[in-house]
Amino acid sequence: MLEHGGMPGPVKSDLLASALSRPQQLYAYDDNADIFTLAAGYLDGICRNHPFADGNKRVAFLCAYTFLQLNGWDFDASEPDVVIMVSMIAAGEAKLAEIVDWLQLNSAPIID
């Protein structure tokens, strides 16, 4: 915030809570939900709910990226590809299945 500016904190904490519970809902109600579906839930939920005053797309991407990392997957897409896809998600131009496919296509298992 100090370096790039912006407004701190969630604007609507209820929208943040809703976005963060999206993967849990997907897991509970979608028998086919895998790691990529759950990561897509974070990405889509935060982008579309827009809970922060600033940085929603960045937070959404970093949340999905971190979730994949914590679950043994390395996500590696070019920065322009990430910007395009995350912008499409925020604009409502990408369906959840497309997000899942994109995450899966650009991920590989982390090998220790």
PDB file of N, CA and C in Angstrom:
ATOM      1  N   MET A   1       0.821  -1.174   0.000  1.00  0.00           N
ATOM      2  CA  MET A   1       0.000   0.000   0.000  1.00  0.00           C
ATOM      3  C   MET A   1       0.872   1.247   0.000  1.00  0.00           C
ATOM      4  N   LEU A   2       1.928   1.211   0.788  1.00  0.00           N
ATOM      5  CA  LEU A   2       2.803   2.378   0.845  1.00  0.00           C
ATOM      6  C   LEU A   2       3.481   2.627  -0.492  1.00  0.00           C
ATOM      7  N   GLU A   3       3.853   1.557  -1.165  1.00  0.00           N
ATOM      8  CA  GLU A   3       4.589   1.683  -2.421  1.00  0.00           C
ATOM      9  C   GLU A   3       3.694   2.035  -3.602  1.00  0.00           C
ATOM     10  N   HIS A   4       2.526   1.412  -3.688  1.00  0.00           N
ATOM     11  CA  HIS A   4       1.679   1.566  -4.872  1.00  0.00           C
ATOM     12  C   HIS A   4       0.381   2.328  -4.631  1.00  0.00           C
ATOM     13  N   GLY A   5       0.071   2.626  -3.390  1.00  0.00           N
ATOM     14  CA  GLY A   5      -1.165   3.342  -3.098  1.00  0.00           C
ATOM     15  C   GLY A   5      -2.354   2.412  -3.017  1.00  0.00           C
ATOM     16  N   GLY A   6      -3.523   2.978  -2.899  1.00  0.00           N
ATOM     17  CA  GLY A   6      -4.741   2.187  -2.792  1.00  0.00           C
ATOM     18  C   GLY A   6      -5.361   2.335  -1.422  1.00  0.00           C
ATOM     19  N   MET A   7      -6.552   1.816  -1.304  1.00  0.00           N
ATOM     20  CA  MET A   7      -7.285   1.905  -0.049  1.00  0.00           C
ATOM     21  C   MET A   7      -7.199   0.572   0.689  1.00  0.00           C
ATOM     22  N   PRO A   8      -6.878   0.588   1.975  1.00  0.00           N
ATOM     23  CA  PRO A   8      -6.716  -0.660   2.728  1.00  0.00           C
ATOM     24  C   PRO A   8      -8.049  -1.281   3.143  1.00  0.00           C
ATOM     25  N   GLY A   9      -7.987  -2.585   3.396  1.00  0.00           N
ATOM     26  CA  GLY A   9      -9.088  -3.299   4.012  1.00  0.00           C
ATOM     27  C   GLY A   9     -10.258  -3.621   3.105  1.00  0.00           C
ATOM     28  N   PRO A  10     -11.071  -4.592   3.527  1.00  0.00           N
ATOM     29  CA  PRO A  10     -12.253  -4.923   2.737  1.00  0.00           C
ATOM     30  C   PRO A  10     -13.300  -3.823   2.841  1.00  0.00           C
ATOM     31  N   VAL A  11     -13.937  -3.543   1.740  1.00  0.00           N
ATOM     32  CA  VAL A  11     -15.035  -2.589   1.733  1.00  0.00           C
ATOM     33  C   VAL A  11     -16.258  -3.272   2.338  1.00  0.00           C
ATOM     34  N   LYS A  12     -16.489  -4.496   1.917  1.00  0.00           N
ATOM     35  CA  LYS A  12     -17.645  -5.251   2.402  1.00  0.00           C
ATOM     36  C   LYS A  12     -17.171  -6.622   2.872  1.00  0.00           C
ATOM     37  N   SER A  13     -17.051  -6.764   4.189  1.00  0.00           N
ATOM     38  CA  SER A  13     -16.544  -8.018   4.734  1.00  0.00           C
ATOM     39  C   SER A  13     -17.478  -9.188   4.436  1.00  0.00           C
ATOM     40  N   ASP A  14     -18.773  -8.936   4.273  1.00  0.00           N
ATOM     41  CA  ASP A  14     -19.697 -10.019   3.944  1.00  0.00           C
ATOM     42  C   ASP A  14     -19.420 -10.567   2.545  1.00  0.00           C
ATOM     43  N   LEU A  15     -19.027  -9.695   1.610  1.00  0.00           N
ATOM     44  CA  LEU A  15     -18.684 -10.157   0.262  1.00  0.00           C
ATOM     45  C   LEU A  15     -17.376 -10.942   0.265  1.00  0.00           C
ATOM     46  N   LEU A  16     -16.440 -10.543   1.125  1.00  0.00           N
ATOM     47  CA  LEU A  16     -15.188 -11.294   1.249  1.00  0.00           C
ATOM     48  C   LEU A  16     -15.465 -12.674   1.834  1.00  0.00           C
ATOM     49  N   ALA A  17     -16.264 -12.733   2.883  1.00  0.00           N
ATOM     50  CA  ALA A  17     -16.606 -14.024   3.493  1.00  0.00           C
ATOM     51  C   ALA A  17     -17.313 -14.926   2.490  1.00  0.00           C
ATOM     52  N   SER A  18     -18.201 -14.362   1.705  1.00  0.00           N
ATOM     53  CA  SER A  18     -18.903 -15.133   0.676  1.00  0.00           C
ATOM     54  C   SER A  18     -17.931 -15.683  -0.358  1.00  0.00           C
ATOM     55  N   ALA A  19     -17.010 -14.842  -0.814  1.00  0.00           N
ATOM     56  CA  ALA A  19     -16.025 -15.274  -1.813  1.00  0.00           C
ATOM     57  C   ALA A  19     -15.130 -16.375  -1.263  1.00  0.00           C
ATOM     58  N   LEU A  20     -14.716 -16.242  -0.008  1.00  0.00           N
ATOM     59  CA  LEU A  20     -13.824 -17.237   0.588  1.00  0.00           C
ATOM     60  C   LEU A  20     -14.535 -18.549   0.898  1.00  0.00           C
ATOM     61  N   SER A  21     -15.854 -18.514   0.996  1.00  0.00           N
ATOM     62  CA  SER A  21     -16.589 -19.761   1.247  1.00  0.00           C
ATOM     63  C   SER A  21     -16.969 -20.475  -0.052  1.00  0.00           C
ATOM     64  N   ARG A  22     -16.750 -19.835  -1.182  1.00  0.00           N
ATOM     65  CA  ARG A  22     -17.124 -20.438  -2.471  1.00  0.00           C
ATOM     66  C   ARG A  22     -16.472 -21.803  -2.690  1.00  0.00           C
ATOM     67  N   PRO A  23     -15.167 -21.972  -2.452  1.00  0.00           N
ATOM     68  CA  PRO A  23     -14.572 -23.302  -2.637  1.00  0.00           C
ATOM     69  C   PRO A  23     -15.198 -24.363  -1.726  1.00  0.00           C
ATOM     70  N   GLN A  24     -15.555 -23.982  -0.510  1.00  0.00           N
ATOM     71  CA  GLN A  24     -16.202 -24.935   0.395  1.00  0.00           C
ATOM     72  C   GLN A  24     -17.549 -25.372  -0.165  1.00  0.00           C
ATOM     73  N   GLN A  25     -18.284 -24.446  -0.731  1.00  0.00           N
ATOM     74  CA  GLN A  25     -19.572 -24.777  -1.340  1.00  0.00           C
ATOM     75  C   GLN A  25     -19.383 -25.683  -2.548  1.00  0.00           C
ATOM     76  N   LEU A  26     -18.382 -25.380  -3.363  1.00  0.00           N
ATOM     77  CA  LEU A  26     -18.103 -26.227  -4.527  1.00  0.00           C
ATOM     78  C   LEU A  26     -17.747 -27.643  -4.084  1.00  0.00           C
ATOM     79  N   TYR A  27     -16.923 -27.748  -3.048  1.00  0.00           N
ATOM     80  CA  TYR A  27     -16.505 -29.058  -2.543  1.00  0.00           C
ATOM     81  C   TYR A  27     -17.702 -29.841  -2.001  1.00  0.00           C
ATOM     82  N   ALA A  28     -18.593 -29.150  -1.314  1.00  0.00           N
ATOM     83  CA  ALA A  28     -19.743 -29.816  -0.695  1.00  0.00           C
ATOM     84  C   ALA A  28     -20.799 -30.251  -1.707  1.00  0.00           C
ATOM     85  N   TYR A  29     -20.966 -29.475  -2.782  1.00  0.00           N
ATOM     86  CA  TYR A  29     -22.087 -29.724  -3.684  1.00  0.00           C
ATOM     87  C   TYR A  29     -21.705 -30.201  -5.076  1.00  0.00           C
ATOM     88  N   ASP A  30     -20.417 -30.248  -5.384  1.00  0.00           N
ATOM     89  CA  ASP A  30     -19.972 -30.698  -6.708  1.00  0.00           C
ATOM     90  C   ASP A  30     -19.110 -31.943  -6.536  1.00  0.00           C
ATOM     91  N   ASP A  31     -19.647 -33.088  -6.914  1.00  0.00           N
ATOM     92  CA  ASP A  31     -18.919 -34.350  -6.746  1.00  0.00           C
ATOM     93  C   ASP A  31     -17.631 -34.396  -7.561  1.00  0.00           C
ATOM     94  N   ASN A  32     -17.520 -33.562  -8.577  1.00  0.00           N
ATOM     95  CA  ASN A  32     -16.331 -33.550  -9.432  1.00  0.00           C
ATOM     96  C   ASN A  32     -15.338 -32.455  -9.064  1.00  0.00           C
ATOM     97  N   ALA A  33     -15.565 -31.749  -7.975  1.00  0.00           N
ATOM     98  CA  ALA A  33     -14.679 -30.647  -7.590  1.00  0.00           C
ATOM     99  C   ALA A  33     -13.295 -31.180  -7.228  1.00  0.00           C
ATOM    100  N   ASP A  34     -12.291 -30.699  -7.947  1.00  0.00           N
ATOM    101  CA  ASP A  34     -10.909 -31.055  -7.652  1.00  0.00           C
ATOM    102  C   ASP A  34     -10.166 -29.799  -7.203  1.00  0.00           C
ATOM    103  N   ILE A  35      -8.862 -29.909  -7.031  1.00  0.00           N
ATOM    104  CA  ILE A  35      -8.041 -28.783  -6.579  1.00  0.00           C
ATOM    105  C   ILE A  35      -8.213 -27.578  -7.500  1.00  0.00           C
ATOM    106  N   PHE A  36      -8.276 -27.815  -8.800  1.00  0.00           N
ATOM    107  CA  PHE A  36      -8.383 -26.712  -9.756  1.00  0.00           C
ATOM    108  C   PHE A  36      -9.754 -26.034  -9.685  1.00  0.00           C
ATOM    109  N   THR A  37     -10.783 -26.815  -9.423  1.00  0.00           N
ATOM    110  CA  THR A  37     -12.121 -26.247  -9.250  1.00  0.00           C
ATOM    111  C   THR A  37     -12.162 -25.367  -8.009  1.00  0.00           C
ATOM    112  N   LEU A  38     -11.530 -25.831  -6.941  1.00  0.00           N
ATOM    113  CA  LEU A  38     -11.525 -25.058  -5.701  1.00  0.00           C
ATOM    114  C   LEU A  38     -10.703 -23.782  -5.857  1.00  0.00           C
ATOM    115  N   ALA A  39      -9.549 -23.877  -6.529  1.00  0.00           N
ATOM    116  CA  ALA A  39      -8.735 -22.683  -6.793  1.00  0.00           C
ATOM    117  C   ALA A  39      -9.510 -21.699  -7.666  1.00  0.00           C
ATOM    118  N   ALA A  40     -10.221 -22.225  -8.654  1.00  0.00           N
ATOM    119  CA  ALA A  40     -11.051 -21.375  -9.516  1.00  0.00           C
ATOM    120  C   ALA A  40     -12.156 -20.706  -8.704  1.00  0.00           C
ATOM    121  N   GLY A  41     -12.652 -21.395  -7.697  1.00  0.00           N
ATOM    122  CA  GLY A  41     -13.662 -20.810  -6.822  1.00  0.00           C
ATOM    123  C   GLY A  41     -13.144 -19.576  -6.104  1.00  0.00           C
ATOM    124  N   TYR A  42     -11.906 -19.651  -5.604  1.00  0.00           N
ATOM    125  CA  TYR A  42     -11.297 -18.470  -4.981  1.00  0.00           C
ATOM    126  C   TYR A  42     -11.130 -17.342  -5.994  1.00  0.00           C
ATOM    127  N   LEU A  43     -10.561 -17.675  -7.144  1.00  0.00           N
ATOM    128  CA  LEU A  43     -10.281 -16.670  -8.167  1.00  0.00           C
ATOM    129  C   LEU A  43     -11.566 -15.994  -8.639  1.00  0.00           C
ATOM    130  N   ASP A  44     -12.550 -16.781  -8.973  1.00  0.00           N
ATOM    131  CA  ASP A  44     -13.823 -16.260  -9.460  1.00  0.00           C
ATOM    132  C   ASP A  44     -14.579 -15.513  -8.364  1.00  0.00           C
ATOM    133  N   GLY A  45     -14.612 -16.087  -7.183  1.00  0.00           N
ATOM    134  CA  GLY A  45     -15.373 -15.482  -6.089  1.00  0.00           C
ATOM    135  C   GLY A  45     -14.873 -14.106  -5.701  1.00  0.00           C
ATOM    136  N   ILE A  46     -13.572 -13.960  -5.543  1.00  0.00           N
ATOM    137  CA  ILE A  46     -13.022 -12.664  -5.142  1.00  0.00           C
ATOM    138  C   ILE A  46     -13.129 -11.656  -6.279  1.00  0.00           C
ATOM    139  N   CYS A  47     -12.838 -12.095  -7.502  1.00  0.00           N
ATOM    140  CA  CYS A  47     -12.949 -11.182  -8.652  1.00  0.00           C
ATOM    141  C   CYS A  47     -14.364 -10.642  -8.806  1.00  0.00           C
ATOM    142  N   ARG A  48     -15.336 -11.519  -8.732  1.00  0.00           N
ATOM    143  CA  ARG A  48     -16.722 -11.098  -8.991  1.00  0.00           C
ATOM    144  C   ARG A  48     -17.375 -10.398  -7.802  1.00  0.00           C
ATOM    145  N   ASN A  49     -17.022 -10.807  -6.588  1.00  0.00           N
ATOM    146  CA  ASN A  49     -17.629 -10.169  -5.413  1.00  0.00           C
ATOM    147  C   ASN A  49     -17.057  -8.779  -5.155  1.00  0.00           C
ATOM    148  N   HIS A  50     -15.819  -8.565  -5.568  1.00  0.00           N
ATOM    149  CA  HIS A  50     -15.186  -7.247  -5.460  1.00  0.00           C
ATOM    150  C   HIS A  50     -15.268  -6.699  -4.031  1.00  0.00           C
ATOM    151  N   PRO A  51     -14.732  -7.452  -3.037  1.00  0.00           N
ATOM    152  CA  PRO A  51     -14.885  -7.027  -1.650  1.00  0.00           C
ATOM    153  C   PRO A  51     -13.953  -5.897  -1.214  1.00  0.00           C
ATOM    154  N   PHE A  52     -12.881  -5.661  -1.949  1.00  0.00           N
ATOM    155  CA  PHE A  52     -11.903  -4.650  -1.547  1.00  0.00           C
ATOM    156  C   PHE A  52     -12.081  -3.358  -2.327  1.00  0.00           C
ATOM    157  N   ALA A  53     -11.603  -2.276  -1.759  1.00  0.00           N
ATOM    158  CA  ALA A  53     -11.645  -0.987  -2.440  1.00  0.00           C
ATOM    159  C   ALA A  53     -10.692  -0.978  -3.626  1.00  0.00           C
ATOM    160  N   ASP A  54      -9.649  -1.789  -3.550  1.00  0.00           N
ATOM    161  CA  ASP A  54      -8.611  -1.792  -4.571  1.00  0.00           C
ATOM    162  C   ASP A  54      -7.924  -3.158  -4.569  1.00  0.00           C
ATOM    163  N   GLY A  55      -7.417  -3.586  -5.699  1.00  0.00           N
ATOM    164  CA  GLY A  55      -6.591  -4.786  -5.770  1.00  0.00           C
ATOM    165  C   GLY A  55      -7.341  -6.104  -5.795  1.00  0.00           C
ATOM    166  N   ASN A  56      -8.609  -6.104  -6.123  1.00  0.00           N
ATOM    167  CA  ASN A  56      -9.398  -7.337  -6.108  1.00  0.00           C
ATOM    168  C   ASN A  56      -8.851  -8.410  -7.044  1.00  0.00           C
ATOM    169  N   LYS A  57      -8.478  -8.031  -8.253  1.00  0.00           N
ATOM    170  CA  LYS A  57      -7.965  -9.016  -9.214  1.00  0.00           C
ATOM    171  C   LYS A  57      -6.637  -9.594  -8.739  1.00  0.00           C
ATOM    172  N   ARG A  58      -5.774  -8.736  -8.184  1.00  0.00           N
ATOM    173  CA  ARG A  58      -4.476  -9.219  -7.684  1.00  0.00           C
ATOM    174  C   ARG A  58      -4.659 -10.163  -6.509  1.00  0.00           C
ATOM    175  N   VAL A  59      -5.522  -9.787  -5.577  1.00  0.00           N
ATOM    176  CA  VAL A  59      -5.777 -10.640  -4.410  1.00  0.00           C
ATOM    177  C   VAL A  59      -6.393 -11.961  -4.848  1.00  0.00           C
ATOM    178  N   ALA A  60      -7.329 -11.905  -5.779  1.00  0.00           N
ATOM    179  CA  ALA A  60      -7.986 -13.124  -6.265  1.00  0.00           C
ATOM    180  C   ALA A  60      -6.970 -14.077  -6.884  1.00  0.00           C
ATOM    181  N   PHE A  61      -6.101 -13.539  -7.741  1.00  0.00           N
ATOM    182  CA  PHE A  61      -5.097 -14.386  -8.374  1.00  0.00           C
ATOM    183  C   PHE A  61      -4.136 -14.964  -7.341  1.00  0.00           C
ATOM    184  N   LEU A  62      -3.644 -14.129  -6.430  1.00  0.00           N
ATOM    185  CA  LEU A  62      -2.695 -14.615  -5.426  1.00  0.00           C
ATOM    186  C   LEU A  62      -3.321 -15.650  -4.501  1.00  0.00           C
ATOM    187  N   CYS A  63      -4.586 -15.519  -4.218  1.00  0.00           N
ATOM    188  CA  CYS A  63      -5.284 -16.505  -3.394  1.00  0.00           C
ATOM    189  C   CYS A  63      -5.334 -17.857  -4.107  1.00  0.00           C
ATOM    190  N   ALA A  64      -5.716 -17.852  -5.383  1.00  0.00           N
ATOM    191  CA  ALA A  64      -5.764 -19.097  -6.158  1.00  0.00           C
ATOM    192  C   ALA A  64      -4.367 -19.685  -6.317  1.00  0.00           C
ATOM    193  N   TYR A  65      -3.391 -18.841  -6.610  1.00  0.00           N
ATOM    194  CA  TYR A  65      -2.002 -19.280  -6.780  1.00  0.00           C
ATOM    195  C   TYR A  65      -1.491 -19.939  -5.496  1.00  0.00           C
ATOM    196  N   THR A  66      -1.713 -19.284  -4.372  1.00  0.00           N
ATOM    197  CA  THR A  66      -1.256 -19.821  -3.086  1.00  0.00           C
ATOM    198  C   THR A  66      -1.969 -21.124  -2.752  1.00  0.00           C
ATOM    199  N   PHE A  67      -3.265 -21.198  -3.025  1.00  0.00           N
ATOM    200  CA  PHE A  67      -4.020 -22.423  -2.777  1.00  0.00           C
ATOM    201  C   PHE A  67      -3.432 -23.585  -3.577  1.00  0.00           C
ATOM    202  N   LEU A  68      -3.117 -23.340  -4.846  1.00  0.00           N
ATOM    203  CA  LEU A  68      -2.505 -24.389  -5.669  1.00  0.00           C
ATOM    204  C   LEU A  68      -1.157 -24.803  -5.093  1.00  0.00           C
ATOM    205  N   GLN A  69      -0.324 -23.834  -4.717  1.00  0.00           N
ATOM    206  CA  GLN A  69       0.990 -24.130  -4.146  1.00  0.00           C
ATOM    207  C   GLN A  69       0.863 -24.979  -2.881  1.00  0.00           C
ATOM    208  N   LEU A  70      -0.043 -24.597  -2.007  1.00  0.00           N
ATOM    209  CA  LEU A  70      -0.230 -25.328  -0.752  1.00  0.00           C
ATOM    210  C   LEU A  70      -0.730 -26.749  -0.970  1.00  0.00           C
ATOM    211  N   ASN A  71      -1.312 -26.986  -2.130  1.00  0.00           N
ATOM    212  CA  ASN A  71      -1.835 -28.310  -2.452  1.00  0.00           C
ATOM    213  C   ASN A  71      -0.985 -29.056  -3.472  1.00  0.00           C
ATOM    214  N   GLY A  72       0.283 -28.623  -3.618  1.00  0.00           N
ATOM    215  CA  GLY A  72       1.242 -29.380  -4.406  1.00  0.00           C
ATOM    216  C   GLY A  72       1.287 -29.076  -5.888  1.00  0.00           C
ATOM    217  N   TRP A  73       0.763 -27.927  -6.306  1.00  0.00           N
ATOM    218  CA  TRP A  73       0.759 -27.574  -7.720  1.00  0.00           C
ATOM    219  C   TRP A  73       1.470 -26.249  -7.945  1.00  0.00           C
ATOM    220  N   ASP A  74       2.290 -26.209  -8.991  1.00  0.00           N
ATOM    221  CA  ASP A  74       2.989 -24.989  -9.378  1.00  0.00           C
ATOM    222  C   ASP A  74       2.280 -24.385 -10.584  1.00  0.00           C
ATOM    223  N   PHE A  75       1.818 -23.163 -10.447  1.00  0.00           N
ATOM    224  CA  PHE A  75       1.136 -22.473 -11.544  1.00  0.00           C
ATOM    225  C   PHE A  75       2.154 -21.618 -12.278  1.00  0.00           C
ATOM    226  N   ASP A  76       2.198 -21.744 -13.604  1.00  0.00           N
ATOM    227  CA  ASP A  76       3.187 -21.002 -14.386  1.00  0.00           C
ATOM    228  C   ASP A  76       2.582 -20.539 -15.705  1.00  0.00           C
ATOM    229  N   ALA A  77       2.018 -19.345 -15.699  1.00  0.00           N
ATOM    230  CA  ALA A  77       1.516 -18.719 -16.925  1.00  0.00           C
ATOM    231  C   ALA A  77       2.210 -17.372 -17.058  1.00  0.00           C
ATOM    232  N   SER A  78       2.297 -16.879 -18.274  1.00  0.00           N
ATOM    233  CA  SER A  78       2.939 -15.584 -18.482  1.00  0.00           C
ATOM    234  C   SER A  78       2.100 -14.479 -17.839  1.00  0.00           C
ATOM    235  N   GLU A  79       2.769 -13.403 -17.477  1.00  0.00           N
ATOM    236  CA  GLU A  79       2.060 -12.278 -16.868  1.00  0.00           C
ATOM    237  C   GLU A  79       0.954 -11.734 -17.776  1.00  0.00           C
ATOM    238  N   PRO A  80       1.219 -11.577 -19.090  1.00  0.00           N
ATOM    239  CA  PRO A  80       0.123 -11.109 -19.951  1.00  0.00           C
ATOM    240  C   PRO A  80      -1.079 -12.062 -19.969  1.00  0.00           C
ATOM    241  N   ASP A  81      -0.827 -13.366 -19.958  1.00  0.00           N
ATOM    242  CA  ASP A  81      -1.929 -14.333 -19.927  1.00  0.00           C
ATOM    243  C   ASP A  81      -2.738 -14.214 -18.634  1.00  0.00           C
ATOM    244  N   VAL A  82      -2.029 -14.023 -17.524  1.00  0.00           N
ATOM    245  CA  VAL A  82      -2.711 -13.864 -16.238  1.00  0.00           C
ATOM    246  C   VAL A  82      -3.575 -12.603 -16.253  1.00  0.00           C
ATOM    247  N   VAL A  83      -3.009 -11.506 -16.734  1.00  0.00           N
ATOM    248  CA  VAL A  83      -3.756 -10.242 -16.777  1.00  0.00           C
ATOM    249  C   VAL A  83      -5.014 -10.382 -17.633  1.00  0.00           C
ATOM    250  N   ILE A  84      -4.879 -11.010 -18.782  1.00  0.00           N
ATOM    251  CA  ILE A  84      -6.029 -11.189 -19.678  1.00  0.00           C
ATOM    252  C   ILE A  84      -7.104 -12.048 -19.023  1.00  0.00           C
ATOM    253  N   MET A  85      -6.714 -13.195 -18.487  1.00  0.00           N
ATOM    254  CA  MET A  85      -7.704 -14.106 -17.899  1.00  0.00           C
ATOM    255  C   MET A  85      -8.367 -13.498 -16.669  1.00  0.00           C
ATOM    256  N   VAL A  86      -7.585 -12.907 -15.791  1.00  0.00           N
ATOM    257  CA  VAL A  86      -8.165 -12.341 -14.573  1.00  0.00           C
ATOM    258  C   VAL A  86      -9.090 -11.165 -14.913  1.00  0.00           C
ATOM    259  N   SER A  87      -8.730 -10.392 -15.915  1.00  0.00           N
ATOM    260  CA  SER A  87      -9.607  -9.297 -16.360  1.00  0.00           C
ATOM    261  C   SER A  87     -10.910  -9.842 -16.937  1.00  0.00           C
ATOM    262  N   MET A  88     -10.824 -10.935 -17.684  1.00  0.00           N
ATOM    263  CA  MET A  88     -12.028 -11.569 -18.224  1.00  0.00           C
ATOM    264  C   MET A  88     -12.932 -12.078 -17.100  1.00  0.00           C
ATOM    265  N   ILE A  89     -12.317 -12.664 -16.079  1.00  0.00           N
ATOM    266  CA  ILE A  89     -13.091 -13.168 -14.940  1.00  0.00           C
ATOM    267  C   ILE A  89     -13.812 -12.013 -14.251  1.00  0.00           C
ATOM    268  N   ALA A  90     -13.082 -10.935 -13.996  1.00  0.00           N
ATOM    269  CA  ALA A  90     -13.667  -9.780 -13.309  1.00  0.00           C
ATOM    270  C   ALA A  90     -14.809  -9.161 -14.109  1.00  0.00           C
ATOM    271  N   ALA A  91     -14.714  -9.243 -15.435  1.00  0.00           N
ATOM    272  CA  ALA A  91     -15.758  -8.686 -16.304  1.00  0.00           C
ATOM    273  C   ALA A  91     -16.916  -9.655 -16.519  1.00  0.00           C
ATOM    274  N   GLY A  92     -16.822 -10.855 -15.939  1.00  0.00           N
ATOM    275  CA  GLY A  92     -17.875 -11.851 -16.106  1.00  0.00           C
ATOM    276  C   GLY A  92     -17.839 -12.546 -17.449  1.00  0.00           C
ATOM    277  N   GLU A  93     -16.683 -12.516 -18.111  1.00  0.00           N
ATOM    278  CA  GLU A  93     -16.545 -13.090 -19.451  1.00  0.00           C
ATOM    279  C   GLU A  93     -15.941 -14.491 -19.456  1.00  0.00           C
ATOM    280  N   ALA A  94     -15.682 -15.057 -18.290  1.00  0.00           N
ATOM    281  CA  ALA A  94     -15.128 -16.414 -18.204  1.00  0.00           C
ATOM    282  C   ALA A  94     -15.985 -17.231 -17.245  1.00  0.00           C
ATOM    283  N   LYS A  95     -16.413 -18.389 -17.690  1.00  0.00           N
ATOM    284  CA  LYS A  95     -17.202 -19.295 -16.854  1.00  0.00           C
ATOM    285  C   LYS A  95     -16.252 -20.094 -15.961  1.00  0.00           C
ATOM    286  N   LEU A  96     -16.793 -20.640 -14.887  1.00  0.00           N
ATOM    287  CA  LEU A  96     -15.979 -21.392 -13.940  1.00  0.00           C
ATOM    288  C   LEU A  96     -15.225 -22.520 -14.636  1.00  0.00           C
ATOM    289  N   ALA A  97     -15.876 -23.241 -15.535  1.00  0.00           N
ATOM    290  CA  ALA A  97     -15.222 -24.354 -16.240  1.00  0.00           C
ATOM    291  C   ALA A  97     -14.019 -23.871 -17.048  1.00  0.00           C
ATOM    292  N   GLU A  98     -14.113 -22.687 -17.631  1.00  0.00           N
ATOM    293  CA  GLU A  98     -12.989 -22.131 -18.389  1.00  0.00           C
ATOM    294  C   GLU A  98     -11.830 -21.771 -17.466  1.00  0.00           C
ATOM    295  N   ILE A  99     -12.153 -21.263 -16.290  1.00  0.00           N
ATOM    296  CA  ILE A  99     -11.122 -20.919 -15.311  1.00  0.00           C
ATOM    297  C   ILE A  99     -10.423 -22.187 -14.842  1.00  0.00           C
ATOM    298  N   VAL A 100     -11.204 -23.221 -14.565  1.00  0.00           N
ATOM    299  CA  VAL A 100     -10.645 -24.511 -14.142  1.00  0.00           C
ATOM    300  C   VAL A 100      -9.691 -25.035 -15.208  1.00  0.00           C
ATOM    301  N   ASP A 101     -10.123 -25.040 -16.459  1.00  0.00           N
ATOM    302  CA  ASP A 101      -9.275 -25.528 -17.556  1.00  0.00           C
ATOM    303  C   ASP A 101      -7.987 -24.724 -17.662  1.00  0.00           C
ATOM    304  N   TRP A 102      -8.078 -23.408 -17.538  1.00  0.00           N
ATOM    305  CA  TRP A 102      -6.912 -22.530 -17.636  1.00  0.00           C
ATOM    306  C   TRP A 102      -5.921 -22.812 -16.507  1.00  0.00           C
ATOM    307  N   LEU A 103      -6.432 -22.959 -15.288  1.00  0.00           N
ATOM    308  CA  LEU A 103      -5.552 -23.261 -14.156  1.00  0.00           C
ATOM    309  C   LEU A 103      -4.863 -24.607 -14.349  1.00  0.00           C
ATOM    310  N   GLN A 104      -5.616 -25.590 -14.785  1.00  0.00           N
ATOM    311  CA  GLN A 104      -5.062 -26.931 -14.977  1.00  0.00           C
ATOM    312  C   GLN A 104      -4.019 -26.951 -16.091  1.00  0.00           C
ATOM    313  N   LEU A 105      -4.309 -26.271 -17.184  1.00  0.00           N
ATOM    314  CA  LEU A 105      -3.401 -26.216 -18.324  1.00  0.00           C
ATOM    315  C   LEU A 105      -2.062 -25.587 -17.959  1.00  0.00           C
ATOM    316  N   ASN A 106      -2.073 -24.650 -17.035  1.00  0.00           N
ATOM    317  CA  ASN A 106      -0.869 -23.905 -16.677  1.00  0.00           C
ATOM    318  C   ASN A 106      -0.242 -24.359 -15.362  1.00  0.00           C
ATOM    319  N   SER A 107      -0.608 -25.540 -14.898  1.00  0.00           N
ATOM    320  CA  SER A 107      -0.088 -26.048 -13.626  1.00  0.00           C
ATOM    321  C   SER A 107       0.612 -27.384 -13.813  1.00  0.00           C
ATOM    322  N   ALA A 108       1.570 -27.615 -12.941  1.00  0.00           N
ATOM    323  CA  ALA A 108       2.297 -28.888 -12.921  1.00  0.00           C
ATOM    324  C   ALA A 108       2.535 -29.268 -11.465  1.00  0.00           C
ATOM    325  N   PRO A 109       2.598 -30.562 -11.184  1.00  0.00           N
ATOM    326  CA  PRO A 109       2.856 -30.980  -9.804  1.00  0.00           C
ATOM    327  C   PRO A 109       4.216 -30.470  -9.327  1.00  0.00           C
ATOM    328  N   ILE A 110       4.266 -30.075  -8.073  1.00  0.00           N
ATOM    329  CA  ILE A 110       5.536 -29.677  -7.471  1.00  0.00           C
ATOM    330  C   ILE A 110       6.287 -30.947  -7.120  1.00  0.00           C
ATOM    331  N   ILE A 111       7.501 -31.045  -7.604  1.00  0.00           N
ATOM    332  CA  ILE A 111       8.333 -32.215  -7.328  1.00  0.00           C
ATOM    333  C   ILE A 111       9.404 -31.809  -6.332  1.00  0.00           C
ATOM    334  N   ASP A 112       9.419 -32.491  -5.194  1.00  0.00           N
ATOM    335  CA  ASP A 112      10.408 -32.163  -4.151  1.00  0.00           C
ATOM    336  C   ASP A 112      11.761 -32.711  -4.467  1.00  0.00           C
TER     337      ASP A 112
END
